[in-house]
Amino acid sequence: MNDLNIQHQVTSYECGADHLLKPESFMHFCQEAAETHASGNNLGYEWSISNGMIWVEVQGDFEFVRRPSWKEVIHVRSNTGKASALQARRFVELSDGDGNIIARADLMWVLIDVNSRRPIPLKRAMAQMPDQCPPIISTELTIATDFEKVETIEMVAPRRDVDFNGHINNGAYLIWALETLPENLTPGAAPKRFRINFKRETFAGTAISIEHRQAGKQTQHSITGEGELRAEIVIDWE
């Protein structure tokens, strides 16, 4: 299975007030790269939905060497392979015009049944992909052990964050964590590295609770809905 190699010019709506790519925009890049590459290998949305399945991301490690700027032309490279009987691992790299890697991601995906919402073994789904995982390129995230709770925020999952799989889009969890973390408690200029573990689907209208914890320049965010953990995020700040 050949690497996906595409170019992209960073748009204004993918950037923040600093004219640099927003962290959630990188997550969206990864989702689009995954679909583009999967579809090119007959494993994308059309293939999965026609077989009563959808791909869902269960974990993501993301790292910035630097964030690309508005109008910058970047190169996107991605590939995938089996990580286990149930999981596929995908890497995504962003590089600049000189070939320097500026961002990287290491992602885990599973196929779930659209009705039962339970994982389907890749072999049973007849997902044809390499038996070898692609290179693990993300820098290991060392998680602190001395987090202190700083605040808990309540909200309702909005309809605008629902994607075409019918549940809350992955990038929304990071947006919720960043938006509800009080500015005076933000320990750095921007996220440098972050890990998201997705535990359970969330749907529009779900009552959400976000508990923020901090340890130095690292924050942890537990997102629960109706008493169940939906996602957990750890962020290293610049």
Protein backbone atom coordinates (compact mmCIF):
# COMPACT_ATOMS: atom_id res chain seq x y z
CA MET A 1 0.00 0.00 0.00
CA ASN A 2 1.69 3.19 -1.19
CA ASP A 3 1.93 6.33 0.90
CA LEU A 4 -0.59 9.10 0.36
CA ASN A 5 1.25 12.22 -0.83
CA ILE A 6 -0.69 15.44 -1.34
CA GLN A 7 -0.12 19.18 -1.07
CA HIS A 8 -2.29 21.69 0.73
CA GLN A 9 -2.24 25.47 1.10
CA VAL A 10 -3.22 26.49 4.62
CA THR A 11 -6.44 28.52 4.58
CA SER A 12 -7.51 31.40 6.82
CA TYR A 13 -10.33 29.41 8.45
CA GLU A 14 -7.82 26.73 9.52
CA CYS A 15 -5.81 29.33 11.44
CA GLY A 16 -6.23 31.25 14.66
CA ALA A 17 -5.70 34.93 15.40
CA ASP A 18 -1.93 34.32 15.27
CA HIS A 19 -2.25 33.24 11.59
CA LEU A 20 -0.96 29.77 12.53
CA LEU A 21 -2.69 26.43 12.04
CA LYS A 22 -5.06 25.60 14.89
CA PRO A 23 -4.48 22.28 16.68
CA GLU A 24 -7.95 21.03 15.79
CA SER A 25 -7.26 21.83 12.12
CA PHE A 26 -4.39 19.35 12.25
CA MET A 27 -6.84 16.75 13.55
CA HIS A 28 -9.11 17.54 10.60
CA PHE A 29 -6.14 17.17 8.22
CA CYS A 30 -5.55 13.71 9.65
CA GLN A 31 -9.18 12.71 9.20
CA GLU A 32 -9.18 13.88 5.58
CA ALA A 33 -5.84 12.19 4.87
CA ALA A 34 -7.22 8.95 6.33
CA GLU A 35 -10.34 9.06 4.15
CA THR A 36 -8.47 10.07 1.00
CA HIS A 37 -5.89 7.32 1.42
CA ALA A 38 -8.44 4.70 2.49
CA SER A 39 -10.75 5.50 -0.42
CA GLY A 40 -7.84 5.23 -2.85
CA ASN A 41 -7.35 1.68 -1.54
CA ASN A 42 -11.06 0.72 -1.53
CA LEU A 43 -11.27 0.99 2.28
CA GLY A 44 -12.91 4.39 2.65
CA TYR A 45 -16.34 5.64 3.64
CA GLU A 46 -18.20 4.24 0.62
CA TRP A 47 -16.71 0.77 1.14
CA SER A 48 -17.34 0.72 4.89
CA ILE A 49 -20.88 2.12 4.88
CA SER A 50 -21.94 -0.22 2.06
CA ASN A 51 -20.86 -3.08 4.33
CA GLY A 52 -22.67 -1.71 7.39
CA MET A 53 -19.53 -0.35 9.06
CA ILE A 54 -17.79 2.93 9.82
CA TRP A 55 -14.21 3.78 10.73
CA VAL A 56 -13.78 5.50 14.11
CA GLU A 57 -10.64 6.84 15.73
CA VAL A 58 -9.92 5.51 19.23
CA GLN A 59 -6.62 7.22 20.02
CA GLY A 60 -4.45 9.94 18.59
CA ASP A 61 -1.01 11.31 19.42
CA PHE A 62 -0.28 14.67 17.79
CA GLU A 63 2.89 16.76 17.83
CA PHE A 64 3.96 20.08 16.37
CA VAL A 65 7.56 20.92 15.58
CA ARG A 66 6.09 24.20 14.46
CA ARG A 67 2.63 25.20 13.29
CA PRO A 68 2.37 26.15 9.61
CA SER A 69 1.15 29.63 8.76
CA TRP A 70 -1.69 30.99 6.67
CA LYS A 71 -1.12 30.50 2.91
CA GLU A 72 1.88 28.23 3.50
CA VAL A 73 1.99 25.25 1.14
CA ILE A 74 2.55 22.06 3.09
CA HIS A 75 3.05 18.44 2.08
CA VAL A 76 0.87 15.74 3.68
CA ARG A 77 2.08 12.12 3.83
CA SER A 78 0.15 9.19 5.33
CA ASN A 79 -0.10 5.41 5.40
CA THR A 80 -1.70 2.67 7.49
CA GLY A 81 -1.32 -0.95 8.59
CA LYS A 82 -2.68 -3.48 11.06
CA ALA A 83 -1.83 -2.91 14.71
CA SER A 84 -3.91 -5.80 16.09
CA ALA A 85 -6.86 -7.98 15.13
CA LEU A 86 -9.16 -5.02 15.81
CA GLN A 87 -7.06 -1.91 15.30
CA ALA A 88 -5.36 -0.19 12.39
CA ARG A 89 -2.52 2.27 12.98
CA ARG A 90 -2.09 5.30 10.76
CA PHE A 91 0.66 7.88 10.61
CA VAL A 92 0.34 11.39 9.20
CA GLU A 93 3.23 13.79 8.57
CA LEU A 94 3.16 17.43 7.55
CA SER A 95 6.31 18.86 6.01
CA ASP A 96 7.26 22.29 4.67
CA GLY A 97 8.57 23.32 1.26
CA ASP A 98 12.11 22.32 2.24
CA GLY A 99 11.04 18.83 3.27
CA ASN A 100 11.29 19.48 7.01
CA ILE A 101 8.71 17.66 9.13
CA ILE A 102 6.65 20.26 10.99
CA ALA A 103 3.90 18.10 12.49
CA ARG A 104 3.22 14.39 12.98
CA ALA A 105 0.46 12.15 14.22
CA ASP A 106 0.17 8.50 15.27
CA LEU A 107 -3.46 7.30 15.17
CA MET A 108 -5.41 4.16 16.07
CA TRP A 109 -8.66 3.31 14.24
CA VAL A 110 -11.27 0.55 14.46
CA LEU A 111 -14.23 -0.51 12.34
CA ILE A 112 -17.58 -0.59 14.14
CA ASP A 113 -20.96 -1.99 13.16
CA VAL A 114 -23.32 0.89 12.34
CA ASN A 115 -26.17 -0.77 14.24
CA SER A 116 -24.56 -2.40 17.28
CA ARG A 117 -21.76 0.24 17.46
CA ARG A 118 -19.38 -2.55 18.43
CA PRO A 119 -15.91 -3.20 16.91
CA ILE A 120 -15.53 -5.63 14.03
CA PRO A 121 -12.29 -7.63 13.56
CA LEU A 122 -10.38 -6.38 10.54
CA LYS A 123 -10.10 -9.93 9.16
CA ARG A 124 -13.86 -10.47 9.36
CA ALA A 125 -14.43 -7.12 7.69
CA MET A 126 -12.07 -8.27 4.92
CA ALA A 127 -10.12 -5.04 5.30
CA GLN A 128 -7.12 -5.57 3.03
CA MET A 129 -4.16 -3.71 4.48
CA PRO A 130 -0.51 -4.46 5.27
CA ASP A 131 0.22 -6.77 8.20
CA GLN A 132 3.00 -4.46 9.33
CA CYS A 133 2.25 -1.22 11.16
CA PRO A 134 3.75 1.92 9.65
CA PRO A 135 6.59 3.66 11.52
CA ILE A 136 5.71 5.05 14.94
CA ILE A 137 6.76 8.66 14.47
CA SER A 138 5.22 10.54 17.38
CA THR A 139 7.46 11.55 20.26
CA GLU A 140 6.47 9.67 23.39
CA LEU A 141 4.24 11.74 25.64
CA THR A 142 5.27 11.47 29.29
CA ILE A 143 2.17 11.99 31.41
CA ALA A 144 2.53 13.69 34.79
CA THR A 145 1.38 11.97 37.99
CA ASP A 146 0.75 15.05 40.15
CA PHE A 147 -2.24 16.69 38.44
CA GLU A 148 -4.35 19.03 40.53
CA LYS A 149 -7.97 19.79 39.68
CA VAL A 150 -8.47 23.39 38.59
CA GLU A 151 -12.07 23.58 37.35
CA THR A 152 -15.07 21.64 36.08
CA ILE A 153 -17.23 23.06 33.29
CA GLU A 154 -20.74 21.93 32.31
CA MET A 155 -22.08 22.20 28.77
CA VAL A 156 -24.38 20.48 26.26
CA ALA A 157 -22.95 18.80 23.15
CA PRO A 158 -24.06 21.10 20.28
CA ARG A 159 -25.60 19.96 16.98
CA ARG A 160 -22.95 21.86 15.00
CA ASP A 161 -20.27 19.37 16.15
CA VAL A 162 -22.02 16.30 14.71
CA ASP A 163 -20.29 14.70 11.71
CA PHE A 164 -21.71 12.48 8.95
CA ASN A 165 -21.27 9.40 11.13
CA GLY A 166 -23.98 10.88 13.35
CA HIS A 167 -21.81 11.46 16.41
CA ILE A 168 -19.65 14.27 17.73
CA ASN A 169 -16.59 14.86 15.54
CA ASN A 170 -13.23 13.96 17.08
CA GLY A 171 -11.84 17.48 16.78
CA ALA A 172 -14.71 18.88 18.83
CA TYR A 173 -13.42 17.26 22.03
CA LEU A 174 -10.15 19.18 21.75
CA ILE A 175 -12.03 22.40 20.97
CA TRP A 176 -14.23 21.89 24.04
CA ALA A 177 -11.18 21.33 26.26
CA LEU A 178 -9.33 24.38 24.93
CA GLU A 179 -12.38 26.66 24.93
CA THR A 180 -13.45 25.85 28.49
CA LEU A 181 -9.96 25.95 30.05
CA PRO A 182 -9.79 29.38 31.74
CA GLU A 183 -7.28 31.64 29.99
CA ASN A 184 -5.50 32.47 33.23
CA LEU A 185 -4.84 28.75 33.74
CA THR A 186 -3.41 28.14 30.26
CA PRO A 187 0.21 27.16 31.02
CA GLY A 188 1.72 28.08 27.64
CA ALA A 189 1.26 29.82 24.31
CA ALA A 190 -0.21 26.85 22.46
CA PRO A 191 -0.42 23.04 22.55
CA LYS A 192 2.90 21.50 21.50
CA ARG A 193 1.92 17.85 21.87
CA PHE A 194 -1.36 16.19 22.81
CA ARG A 195 -2.94 12.78 23.17
CA ILE A 196 -6.64 11.99 22.92
CA ASN A 197 -8.23 8.72 23.95
CA PHE A 198 -11.78 8.30 22.71
CA LYS A 199 -13.77 6.08 25.05
CA ARG A 200 -17.39 6.31 23.91
CA GLU A 201 -19.45 8.04 21.24
CA THR A 202 -21.23 11.27 22.09
CA PHE A 203 -24.35 12.60 20.43
CA ALA A 204 -25.86 16.08 20.18
CA GLY A 205 -27.81 17.12 23.24
CA THR A 206 -25.74 15.05 25.69
CA ALA A 207 -25.03 16.85 28.96
CA ILE A 208 -21.25 17.16 29.16
CA SER A 209 -18.91 17.71 32.09
CA ILE A 210 -15.27 18.67 31.48
CA GLU A 211 -12.87 18.37 34.40
CA HIS A 212 -9.60 20.26 33.97
CA ARG A 213 -6.42 19.30 35.84
CA GLN A 214 -2.94 20.80 35.66
CA ALA A 215 0.64 19.78 36.46
CA GLY A 216 3.21 22.41 35.45
CA LYS A 217 3.01 22.93 31.69
CA GLN A 218 0.78 19.91 31.15
CA THR A 219 -3.01 19.81 31.40
CA GLN A 220 -5.43 16.88 31.52
CA HIS A 221 -9.07 17.06 30.49
CA SER A 222 -11.65 14.37 31.25
CA ILE A 223 -14.86 14.71 29.24
CA THR A 224 -17.83 12.78 30.58
CA GLY A 225 -21.40 12.57 29.38
CA GLU A 226 -24.27 11.27 31.48
CA GLY A 227 -21.81 9.74 33.93
CA GLU A 228 -19.69 7.95 31.29
CA LEU A 229 -16.17 8.92 30.23
CA ARG A 230 -16.29 9.97 26.57
CA ALA A 231 -12.74 11.21 25.99
CA GLU A 232 -9.57 12.04 27.85
CA ILE A 233 -7.01 14.55 26.63
CA VAL A 234 -3.48 15.33 27.82
CA ILE A 235 -1.76 18.45 26.45
CA ASP A 236 1.89 19.56 26.64
CA TRP A 237 2.07 23.34 26.21
CA GLU A 238 4.88 25.35 24.62
